[in-house]
């Protein structure tokens, strides 16, 4: 099974606590998601391939590392993934963006697709799928199915919170996709929400229900 990395950095855990608080205002919530994306982004991009180039410093020439290969892709699961996307694009401004429109049917908890737009030549690009929550796993599994059909081969998943049930389902469906998260919570409740969790991430991020 692919690895699950829980980022224990003190700032990550501190900001996650602020995010969980039910009194956190919408603007603060959105800013914290962006900041967490930046911090978690360092972990999920830790081993991007490098090459060596010759540059001129103010003092002398030197051989120095630089990112190699095609620009990576951030695949945002709409709508809540947009909060993470904002932070990640500050970290890697040249990255390409894939948008995947999915919503969860509240009766079946299954993902329903309404949009998919990906860059060309996905085969040779590393793809990082972003969604704040890994709950049932239905949405991210559907998203990764679409990405693989589009040619993506090197895929990772980044979220803020994960439930054990979602991790198990994602690993079963896509054992080649590593997971990076800030925390693994206790379980899903009867409505398929992570508990203790932080509620509906999209609703809290955009001030809607």
C-alpha atoms as a PDB file:
ATOM      1  CA  UNK A   1       0.000   0.000   0.000  1.00  0.00           C
ATOM      2  CA  UNK A   2       1.098   3.580  -0.653  1.00  0.00           C
ATOM      3  CA  UNK A   3       2.442   5.534   2.298  1.00  0.00           C
ATOM      4  CA  UNK A   4       0.357   7.844   4.461  1.00  0.00           C
ATOM      5  CA  UNK A   5       2.344  10.828   5.766  1.00  0.00           C
ATOM      6  CA  UNK A   6       0.938  12.796   8.711  1.00  0.00           C
ATOM      7  CA  UNK A   7       2.713  16.158   8.937  1.00  0.00           C
ATOM      8  CA  UNK A   8       3.384  16.781  12.633  1.00  0.00           C
ATOM      9  CA  UNK A   9       5.045  20.189  12.230  1.00  0.00           C
ATOM     10  CA  UNK A  10       4.087  22.477  15.126  1.00  0.00           C
ATOM     11  CA  UNK A  11       2.712  25.220  12.877  1.00  0.00           C
ATOM     12  CA  UNK A  12       0.594  22.727  10.955  1.00  0.00           C
ATOM     13  CA  UNK A  13      -0.949  21.354  14.141  1.00  0.00           C
ATOM     14  CA  UNK A  14      -1.490  24.841  15.590  1.00  0.00           C
ATOM     15  CA  UNK A  15      -3.255  26.103  12.474  1.00  0.00           C
ATOM     16  CA  UNK A  16      -5.343  22.939  12.286  1.00  0.00           C
ATOM     17  CA  UNK A  17      -6.600  23.583  15.834  1.00  0.00           C
ATOM     18  CA  UNK A  18      -7.627  27.126  14.854  1.00  0.00           C
ATOM     19  CA  UNK A  19      -9.368  25.718  11.768  1.00  0.00           C
ATOM     20  CA  UNK A  20     -11.351  23.152  13.778  1.00  0.00           C
ATOM     21  CA  UNK A  21     -12.777  25.765  16.169  1.00  0.00           C
ATOM     22  CA  UNK A  22     -16.445  26.316  15.320  1.00  0.00           C
ATOM     23  CA  UNK A  23     -16.093  30.047  16.099  1.00  0.00           C
ATOM     24  CA  UNK A  24     -13.449  30.564  13.379  1.00  0.00           C
ATOM     25  CA  UNK A  25     -14.848  33.224  10.979  1.00  0.00           C
ATOM     26  CA  UNK A  26     -15.094  32.539   7.245  1.00  0.00           C
ATOM     27  CA  UNK A  27     -12.233  34.858   6.290  1.00  0.00           C
ATOM     28  CA  UNK A  28      -9.918  33.373   8.907  1.00  0.00           C
ATOM     29  CA  UNK A  29     -10.933  29.855   7.886  1.00  0.00           C
ATOM     30  CA  UNK A  30     -10.090  30.560   4.243  1.00  0.00           C
ATOM     31  CA  UNK A  31      -6.727  32.096   5.184  1.00  0.00           C
ATOM     32  CA  UNK A  32      -5.827  29.155   7.432  1.00  0.00           C
ATOM     33  CA  UNK A  33      -6.616  26.666   4.647  1.00  0.00           C
ATOM     34  CA  UNK A  34      -4.304  28.608   2.347  1.00  0.00           C
ATOM     35  CA  UNK A  35      -1.525  28.672   4.977  1.00  0.00           C
ATOM     36  CA  UNK A  36      -1.908  24.947   5.645  1.00  0.00           C
ATOM     37  CA  UNK A  37      -1.677  24.292   1.896  1.00  0.00           C
ATOM     38  CA  UNK A  38       1.652  26.105   1.806  1.00  0.00           C
ATOM     39  CA  UNK A  39       3.017  24.120   4.748  1.00  0.00           C
ATOM     40  CA  UNK A  40       1.702  20.742   3.566  1.00  0.00           C
ATOM     41  CA  UNK A  41       2.844  21.581   0.054  1.00  0.00           C
ATOM     42  CA  UNK A  42       6.477  21.434   1.139  1.00  0.00           C
ATOM     43  CA  UNK A  43       5.972  17.823   2.227  1.00  0.00           C
ATOM     44  CA  UNK A  44       4.051  16.598  -0.819  1.00  0.00           C
ATOM     45  CA  UNK A  45       6.631  18.168  -3.182  1.00  0.00           C
ATOM     46  CA  UNK A  46       9.624  17.011  -1.141  1.00  0.00           C
ATOM     47  CA  UNK A  47      11.028  14.676  -3.799  1.00  0.00           C
ATOM     48  CA  UNK A  48      10.219  16.472  -7.047  1.00  0.00           C
ATOM     49  CA  UNK A  49      12.904  15.512  -9.591  1.00  0.00           C
ATOM     50  CA  UNK A  50      15.889  17.843  -9.912  1.00  0.00           C
ATOM     51  CA  UNK A  51      18.525  18.487 -12.517  1.00  0.00           C
ATOM     52  CA  UNK A  52      21.714  20.546 -12.308  1.00  0.00           C
ATOM     53  CA  UNK A  53      22.241  23.787 -14.204  1.00  0.00           C
ATOM     54  CA  UNK A  54      25.106  26.267 -14.423  1.00  0.00           C
ATOM     55  CA  UNK A  55      24.323  29.749 -13.122  1.00  0.00           C
ATOM     56  CA  UNK A  56      26.290  32.922 -12.414  1.00  0.00           C
ATOM     57  CA  UNK A  57      26.126  34.148  -8.827  1.00  0.00           C
ATOM     58  CA  UNK A  58      27.356  37.688  -8.052  1.00  0.00           C
ATOM     59  CA  UNK A  59      30.719  36.086  -7.202  1.00  0.00           C
ATOM     60  CA  UNK A  60      31.287  33.173  -9.612  1.00  0.00           C
ATOM     61  CA  UNK A  61      29.675  30.430 -11.720  1.00  0.00           C
ATOM     62  CA  UNK A  62      28.326  27.360  -9.943  1.00  0.00           C
ATOM     63  CA  UNK A  63      26.381  24.154 -10.541  1.00  0.00           C
ATOM     64  CA  UNK A  64      23.003  24.369  -8.793  1.00  0.00           C
ATOM     65  CA  UNK A  65      19.825  22.211  -8.568  1.00  0.00           C
ATOM     66  CA  UNK A  66      16.663  23.123 -10.461  1.00  0.00           C
ATOM     67  CA  UNK A  67      13.326  21.371 -10.954  1.00  0.00           C
ATOM     68  CA  UNK A  68      13.447  18.934 -13.848  1.00  0.00           C
ATOM     69  CA  UNK A  69      10.842  17.735 -16.314  1.00  0.00           C
ATOM     70  CA  UNK A  70       7.405  19.059 -17.237  1.00  0.00           C
ATOM     71  CA  UNK A  71       5.510  21.415 -14.932  1.00  0.00           C
ATOM     72  CA  UNK A  72       3.584  19.582 -12.239  1.00  0.00           C
ATOM     73  CA  UNK A  73      -0.213  19.658 -12.046  1.00  0.00           C
ATOM     74  CA  UNK A  74      -2.414  20.557  -9.089  1.00  0.00           C
ATOM     75  CA  UNK A  75      -5.772  18.806  -9.528  1.00  0.00           C
ATOM     76  CA  UNK A  76      -8.392  20.621  -7.463  1.00  0.00           C
ATOM     77  CA  UNK A  77     -11.597  18.795  -6.531  1.00  0.00           C
ATOM     78  CA  UNK A  78     -14.249  21.508  -6.683  1.00  0.00           C
ATOM     79  CA  UNK A  79     -15.268  23.357  -4.769  1.00  0.00           C
ATOM     80  CA  UNK A  80     -13.385  22.951  -1.497  1.00  0.00           C
ATOM     81  CA  UNK A  81     -10.106  22.086  -3.219  1.00  0.00           C
ATOM     82  CA  UNK A  82      -9.861  25.694  -4.393  1.00  0.00           C
ATOM     83  CA  UNK A  83      -8.821  26.806  -0.910  1.00  0.00           C
ATOM     84  CA  UNK A  84      -5.790  24.518  -0.975  1.00  0.00           C
ATOM     85  CA  UNK A  85      -5.062  25.387  -4.592  1.00  0.00           C
ATOM     86  CA  UNK A  86      -4.588  29.060  -3.723  1.00  0.00           C
ATOM     87  CA  UNK A  87      -1.781  28.260  -1.284  1.00  0.00           C
ATOM     88  CA  UNK A  88      -0.114  25.686  -3.505  1.00  0.00           C
ATOM     89  CA  UNK A  89       0.028  28.070  -6.460  1.00  0.00           C
ATOM     90  CA  UNK A  90       1.900  30.553  -4.273  1.00  0.00           C
ATOM     91  CA  UNK A  91       4.403  27.777  -3.592  1.00  0.00           C
ATOM     92  CA  UNK A  92       4.671  26.647  -7.250  1.00  0.00           C
ATOM     93  CA  UNK A  93       3.333  29.496  -9.433  1.00  0.00           C
ATOM     94  CA  UNK A  94       4.276  27.778 -12.708  1.00  0.00           C
ATOM     95  CA  UNK A  95       2.228  24.647 -11.996  1.00  0.00           C
ATOM     96  CA  UNK A  96      -0.597  23.650 -14.315  1.00  0.00           C
ATOM     97  CA  UNK A  97      -4.111  23.289 -12.892  1.00  0.00           C
ATOM     98  CA  UNK A  98      -6.722  20.588 -13.421  1.00  0.00           C
ATOM     99  CA  UNK A  99     -10.286  21.224 -12.217  1.00  0.00           C
ATOM    100  CA  UNK A 100     -12.494  18.285 -11.278  1.00  0.00           C
ATOM    101  CA  UNK A 101     -16.122  19.118 -10.508  1.00  0.00           C
ATOM    102  CA  UNK A 102     -17.684  16.595  -8.124  1.00  0.00           C
ATOM    103  CA  UNK A 103     -20.407  16.796  -5.514  1.00  0.00           C
ATOM    104  CA  UNK A 104     -21.491  14.257  -2.942  1.00  0.00           C
ATOM    105  CA  UNK A 105     -24.998  12.842  -3.206  1.00  0.00           C
ATOM    106  CA  UNK A 106     -26.219  13.178   0.384  1.00  0.00           C
ATOM    107  CA  UNK A 107     -28.391  10.053   0.128  1.00  0.00           C
ATOM    108  CA  UNK A 108     -25.880   7.622  -1.415  1.00  0.00           C
ATOM    109  CA  UNK A 109     -22.669   9.491  -0.395  1.00  0.00           C
ATOM    110  CA  UNK A 110     -21.390   8.755  -3.924  1.00  0.00           C
ATOM    111  CA  UNK A 111     -19.530  11.305  -6.047  1.00  0.00           C
ATOM    112  CA  UNK A 112     -21.404  12.861  -8.956  1.00  0.00           C
ATOM    113  CA  UNK A 113     -19.266  14.404 -11.710  1.00  0.00           C
ATOM    114  CA  UNK A 114     -20.197  17.655 -13.452  1.00  0.00           C
ATOM    115  CA  UNK A 115     -16.854  18.973 -14.800  1.00  0.00           C
ATOM    116  CA  UNK A 116     -13.363  17.816 -15.774  1.00  0.00           C
ATOM    117  CA  UNK A 117     -10.681  19.931 -17.452  1.00  0.00           C
ATOM    118  CA  UNK A 118      -7.038  18.809 -17.460  1.00  0.00           C
ATOM    119  CA  UNK A 119      -3.831  20.072 -19.094  1.00  0.00           C
ATOM    120  CA  UNK A 120      -2.397  18.245 -22.092  1.00  0.00           C
ATOM    121  CA  UNK A 121       0.305  15.590 -21.770  1.00  0.00           C
ATOM    122  CA  UNK A 122      -0.657  14.324 -18.311  1.00  0.00           C
ATOM    123  CA  UNK A 123       1.458  11.189 -18.800  1.00  0.00           C
ATOM    124  CA  UNK A 124       4.740  12.989 -18.171  1.00  0.00           C
ATOM    125  CA  UNK A 125       3.572  15.269 -15.348  1.00  0.00           C
ATOM    126  CA  UNK A 126       3.402  14.637 -11.616  1.00  0.00           C
ATOM    127  CA  UNK A 127      -0.160  15.285 -10.408  1.00  0.00           C
ATOM    128  CA  UNK A 128      -1.098  16.347  -6.889  1.00  0.00           C
ATOM    129  CA  UNK A 129      -4.819  15.961  -6.150  1.00  0.00           C
ATOM    130  CA  UNK A 130      -6.096  18.380  -3.505  1.00  0.00           C
ATOM    131  CA  UNK A 131      -9.239  18.290  -1.351  1.00  0.00           C
ATOM    132  CA  UNK A 132      -9.429  19.386   2.312  1.00  0.00           C
ATOM    133  CA  UNK A 133     -11.124  16.188   3.509  1.00  0.00           C
ATOM    134  CA  UNK A 134     -10.657  12.477   2.874  1.00  0.00           C
ATOM    135  CA  UNK A 135     -13.925  11.159   4.339  1.00  0.00           C
ATOM    136  CA  UNK A 136     -15.618   8.260   2.523  1.00  0.00           C
ATOM    137  CA  UNK A 137     -12.983   8.431  -0.223  1.00  0.00           C
ATOM    138  CA  UNK A 138     -15.615   8.374  -2.979  1.00  0.00           C
ATOM    139  CA  UNK A 139     -14.740  11.781  -4.449  1.00  0.00           C
ATOM    140  CA  UNK A 140     -10.982  11.362  -4.546  1.00  0.00           C
ATOM    141  CA  UNK A 141     -11.242   7.813  -5.940  1.00  0.00           C
ATOM    142  CA  UNK A 142     -13.496   9.112  -8.725  1.00  0.00           C
ATOM    143  CA  UNK A 143     -11.089  12.006  -9.353  1.00  0.00           C
ATOM    144  CA  UNK A 144      -8.074   9.699  -9.587  1.00  0.00           C
ATOM    145  CA  UNK A 145      -9.993   7.367 -11.917  1.00  0.00           C
ATOM    146  CA  UNK A 146     -10.530  10.356 -14.248  1.00  0.00           C
ATOM    147  CA  UNK A 147      -6.895  11.442 -14.022  1.00  0.00           C
ATOM    148  CA  UNK A 148      -5.597   7.966 -14.834  1.00  0.00           C
ATOM    149  CA  UNK A 149      -7.921   7.764 -17.812  1.00  0.00           C
ATOM    150  CA  UNK A 150      -6.426  11.101 -18.927  1.00  0.00           C
ATOM    151  CA  UNK A 151      -2.963   9.514 -18.809  1.00  0.00           C
ATOM    152  CA  UNK A 152      -1.645  10.513 -15.368  1.00  0.00           C
ATOM    153  CA  UNK A 153       0.762   7.979 -13.887  1.00  0.00           C
ATOM    154  CA  UNK A 154       2.484   9.775 -10.981  1.00  0.00           C
ATOM    155  CA  UNK A 155      -0.294  10.899  -8.620  1.00  0.00           C
ATOM    156  CA  UNK A 156      -0.303  12.025  -4.986  1.00  0.00           C
ATOM    157  CA  UNK A 157      -3.160  13.152  -2.750  1.00  0.00           C
ATOM    158  CA  UNK A 158      -3.020  16.074  -0.326  1.00  0.00           C
ATOM    159  CA  UNK A 159      -5.683  16.783   2.302  1.00  0.00           C
ATOM    160  CA  UNK A 160      -5.983  18.506   5.667  1.00  0.00           C
ATOM    161  CA  UNK A 161      -7.983  15.794   7.454  1.00  0.00           C
ATOM    162  CA  UNK A 162      -8.473  12.093   6.772  1.00  0.00           C
ATOM    163  CA  UNK A 163     -10.708   9.389   8.235  1.00  0.00           C
ATOM    164  CA  UNK A 164      -9.439   5.807   8.593  1.00  0.00           C
ATOM    165  CA  UNK A 165     -12.306   4.585   6.415  1.00  0.00           C
ATOM    166  CA  UNK A 166     -11.367   6.943   3.594  1.00  0.00           C
ATOM    167  CA  UNK A 167      -7.701   6.011   3.769  1.00  0.00           C
ATOM    168  CA  UNK A 168      -8.545   2.310   3.580  1.00  0.00           C
ATOM    169  CA  UNK A 169     -10.848   2.789   0.576  1.00  0.00           C
ATOM    170  CA  UNK A 170      -8.367   4.984  -1.291  1.00  0.00           C
ATOM    171  CA  UNK A 171      -5.505   2.561  -0.669  1.00  0.00           C
ATOM    172  CA  UNK A 172      -7.645  -0.339  -1.862  1.00  0.00           C
ATOM    173  CA  UNK A 173      -8.723   1.475  -5.037  1.00  0.00           C
ATOM    174  CA  UNK A 174      -5.397   3.186  -5.807  1.00  0.00           C
ATOM    175  CA  UNK A 175      -2.560   1.577  -3.834  1.00  0.00           C
ATOM    176  CA  UNK A 176       0.013   3.522  -5.880  1.00  0.00           C
ATOM    177  CA  UNK A 177      -1.151   6.967  -4.650  1.00  0.00           C
ATOM    178  CA  UNK A 178       0.644   8.348  -1.550  1.00  0.00           C
ATOM    179  CA  UNK A 179      -1.398  10.414   0.919  1.00  0.00           C
ATOM    180  CA  UNK A 180      -0.200  13.520   2.787  1.00  0.00           C
ATOM    181  CA  UNK A 181      -2.404  14.925   5.547  1.00  0.00           C
ATOM    182  CA  UNK A 182      -2.245  17.019   8.715  1.00  0.00           C
ATOM    183  CA  UNK A 183      -4.238  14.545  10.834  1.00  0.00           C
ATOM    184  CA  UNK A 184      -6.092  11.234  10.848  1.00  0.00           C
ATOM    185  CA  UNK A 185      -9.282  11.620  12.873  1.00  0.00           C
ATOM    186  CA  UNK A 186     -11.327   9.038  14.765  1.00  0.00           C
ATOM    187  CA  UNK A 187     -14.016   7.918  12.298  1.00  0.00           C
ATOM    188  CA  UNK A 188     -16.919   8.870  10.043  1.00  0.00           C
ATOM    189  CA  UNK A 189     -20.322   9.566  11.556  1.00  0.00           C
ATOM    190  CA  UNK A 190     -23.649   8.285  10.177  1.00  0.00           C
ATOM    191  CA  UNK A 191     -23.798  11.144   7.642  1.00  0.00           C
ATOM    192  CA  UNK A 192     -20.317  10.394   6.299  1.00  0.00           C
ATOM    193  CA  UNK A 193     -18.609  13.378   7.981  1.00  0.00           C
ATOM    194  CA  UNK A 194     -15.216  13.097   9.669  1.00  0.00           C
ATOM    195  CA  UNK A 195     -15.426  13.281  13.461  1.00  0.00           C
ATOM    196  CA  UNK A 196     -14.276  15.230  15.427  1.00  0.00           C
ATOM    197  CA  UNK A 197     -13.386  16.883  12.123  1.00  0.00           C
ATOM    198  CA  UNK A 198     -14.047  20.508  11.294  1.00  0.00           C
ATOM    199  CA  UNK A 199     -17.476  20.371   9.671  1.00  0.00           C
ATOM    200  CA  UNK A 200     -18.196  21.082   6.004  1.00  0.00           C
ATOM    201  CA  UNK A 201     -14.906  22.534   4.725  1.00  0.00           C
ATOM    202  CA  UNK A 202     -16.431  24.028   1.576  1.00  0.00           C
ATOM    203  CA  UNK A 203     -19.327  25.591   3.446  1.00  0.00           C
ATOM    204  CA  UNK A 204     -17.080  27.115   6.087  1.00  0.00           C
ATOM    205  CA  UNK A 205     -14.554  28.307   3.490  1.00  0.00           C
ATOM    206  CA  UNK A 206     -17.085  30.142   1.335  1.00  0.00           C
ATOM    207  CA  UNK A 207     -19.729  31.041   3.907  1.00  0.00           C
ATOM    208  CA  UNK A 208     -22.445  28.840   2.432  1.00  0.00           C
ATOM    209  CA  UNK A 209     -24.388  25.804   3.582  1.00  0.00           C
END
